[in-house]
Amino acid sequence: LPDKDAREAKFKRDLEDMLQLSDITYGDMAEATEQYNYRDMDRLITCVKNKVIKAVSAEYGDQFKAIEALKSGTFTLNKTLFESAKEEVLPTPKDDVLAAIAAWEKKFKSGLQE
C-alpha cells in the first residue's frame, strides 16, 4: 500500500490542475485513505471528479460559468464532497479480511447444514 506521502502526492498530482481546495488538504485526503491501494485511489479520484462536475454544473448551469468557477476557485473541493465520494469508493479488502470472511461463510454454511 502507498504510504501517506505517496497518497498525498497522488491526490495533488491528479486533482490540483482541475480544482482548488477549501476546508480539506491533500494531507487530509491521504490520512483518510490509509487502507487504499493505487487502484482504489484512482477509483476515488474519478468519483471525486465526477461529483465535482455534477455539483458545479448543477450550481452554475452554464458550462462556461462552471469552468470559470473551477478555474477561479469560486467552486472548490470541500471535505463534505470528498467524504461523499469516499463513502462510495471503499478500499479493496485485504487478504486477511478476505480470509476472515471466507472462514465466517464456511462456518455459517456448516451451521445451516446441521
Protein backbone atom coordinates (compact mmCIF):
# COMPACT_ATOMS: atom_id res chain seq x y z
CA LEU A 1 0.00 0.00 0.00
CA PRO A 2 1.23 3.51 -0.70
CA ASP A 3 2.38 5.47 2.34
CA LYS A 4 0.88 8.80 3.38
CA ASP A 5 3.37 10.88 1.38
CA ALA A 6 2.72 8.83 -1.78
CA ARG A 7 -1.06 9.14 -1.35
CA GLU A 8 -0.79 12.89 -0.76
CA ALA A 9 1.39 13.32 -3.86
CA LYS A 10 -1.08 11.31 -5.96
CA PHE A 11 -4.06 13.39 -4.84
CA LYS A 12 -2.14 16.58 -5.55
CA ARG A 13 -0.93 15.40 -8.96
CA ASP A 14 -4.36 14.18 -10.05
CA LEU A 15 -6.54 16.99 -8.67
CA GLU A 16 -4.64 20.27 -8.43
CA ASP A 17 -4.94 21.17 -12.12
CA MET A 18 -8.71 20.73 -12.02
CA LEU A 19 -9.79 22.41 -8.80
CA GLN A 20 -8.87 24.23 -5.64
CA LEU A 21 -9.47 23.02 -2.09
CA SER A 22 -11.38 24.76 0.68
CA ASP A 23 -11.70 23.05 4.08
CA ILE A 24 -9.60 19.98 3.24
CA THR A 25 -5.96 19.46 2.28
CA TYR A 26 -4.21 16.80 0.22
CA GLY A 27 -2.71 15.65 3.53
CA ASP A 28 -6.21 15.24 4.98
CA MET A 29 -7.17 13.14 1.97
CA ALA A 30 -4.06 10.99 2.42
CA GLU A 31 -4.84 10.49 6.12
CA ALA A 32 -8.39 9.41 5.27
CA THR A 33 -7.27 6.78 2.75
CA GLU A 34 -4.73 4.75 4.72
CA GLN A 35 -6.10 1.38 3.53
CA TYR A 36 -6.39 2.40 -0.14
CA ASN A 37 -4.11 0.98 -2.81
CA TYR A 38 -3.35 2.87 -6.03
CA ARG A 39 -6.28 1.30 -7.88
CA ASP A 40 -8.64 2.27 -5.05
CA MET A 41 -7.25 5.80 -5.15
CA ASP A 42 -7.79 6.02 -8.92
CA ARG A 43 -11.41 5.00 -8.45
CA LEU A 44 -11.83 7.52 -5.62
CA ILE A 45 -10.27 10.35 -7.63
CA THR A 46 -12.55 9.57 -10.57
CA CYS A 47 -15.54 9.63 -8.22
CA VAL A 48 -14.40 12.96 -6.72
CA LYS A 49 -14.04 14.47 -10.19
CA ASN A 50 -17.48 13.23 -11.22
CA LYS A 51 -19.06 14.63 -8.07
CA VAL A 52 -17.34 17.98 -8.61
CA ILE A 53 -18.52 18.13 -12.22
CA LYS A 54 -22.10 17.30 -11.22
CA ALA A 55 -22.12 19.76 -8.33
CA VAL A 56 -20.55 22.68 -10.20
CA SER A 57 -22.79 22.07 -13.22
CA ALA A 58 -25.88 21.99 -11.01
CA GLU A 59 -24.85 25.17 -9.22
CA TYR A 60 -23.87 27.21 -12.28
CA GLY A 61 -25.93 25.59 -15.05
CA ASP A 62 -23.93 27.09 -17.89
CA GLN A 63 -20.85 25.04 -18.84
CA PHE A 64 -18.64 28.10 -19.31
CA LYS A 65 -19.65 29.56 -15.95
CA ALA A 66 -18.96 26.21 -14.31
CA ILE A 67 -15.48 26.03 -15.83
CA GLU A 68 -14.76 29.60 -14.76
CA ALA A 69 -15.94 28.82 -11.22
CA LEU A 70 -13.46 25.94 -11.04
CA LYS A 71 -10.60 27.97 -12.53
CA SER A 72 -11.19 30.97 -10.30
CA GLY A 73 -11.65 28.95 -7.13
CA THR A 74 -15.21 30.17 -6.67
CA PHE A 75 -16.19 26.48 -6.58
CA THR A 76 -13.82 24.32 -4.52
CA LEU A 77 -13.50 20.75 -3.37
CA ASN A 78 -14.59 20.62 0.26
CA LYS A 79 -14.45 17.94 2.92
CA THR A 80 -18.15 17.08 2.54
CA LEU A 81 -17.79 16.38 -1.18
CA PHE A 82 -14.62 14.32 -0.62
CA GLU A 83 -16.24 12.29 2.18
CA SER A 84 -19.28 11.67 -0.01
CA ALA A 85 -17.04 10.19 -2.70
CA LYS A 86 -15.10 8.19 -0.11
CA GLU A 87 -18.34 6.61 1.15
CA GLU A 88 -18.97 5.33 -2.38
CA VAL A 89 -15.45 4.03 -3.02
CA LEU A 90 -14.32 1.72 -0.28
CA PRO A 91 -10.82 0.23 -0.17
CA THR A 92 -10.34 -3.21 -1.63
CA PRO A 93 -10.49 -5.83 1.14
CA LYS A 94 -7.05 -7.13 2.03
CA ASP A 95 -6.13 -10.81 2.16
CA ASP A 96 -6.63 -11.16 5.92
CA VAL A 97 -10.09 -9.65 5.67
CA LEU A 98 -10.96 -11.90 2.75
CA ALA A 99 -9.72 -14.94 4.71
CA ALA A 100 -11.84 -13.95 7.72
CA ILE A 101 -14.90 -13.54 5.52
CA ALA A 102 -14.29 -16.94 3.89
CA ALA A 103 -13.93 -18.58 7.31
CA TRP A 104 -17.13 -16.95 8.54
CA GLU A 105 -19.01 -18.06 5.41
CA LYS A 106 -17.74 -21.63 5.84
CA LYS A 107 -18.83 -21.65 9.49
CA PHE A 108 -22.17 -20.08 8.60
CA LYS A 109 -22.85 -22.60 5.82
CA SER A 110 -21.91 -25.56 8.02
CA GLY A 111 -24.32 -24.26 10.67
CA LEU A 112 -27.11 -24.25 8.12
CA GLN A 113 -26.49 -27.89 7.22
CA GLU A 114 -26.79 -29.16 10.80
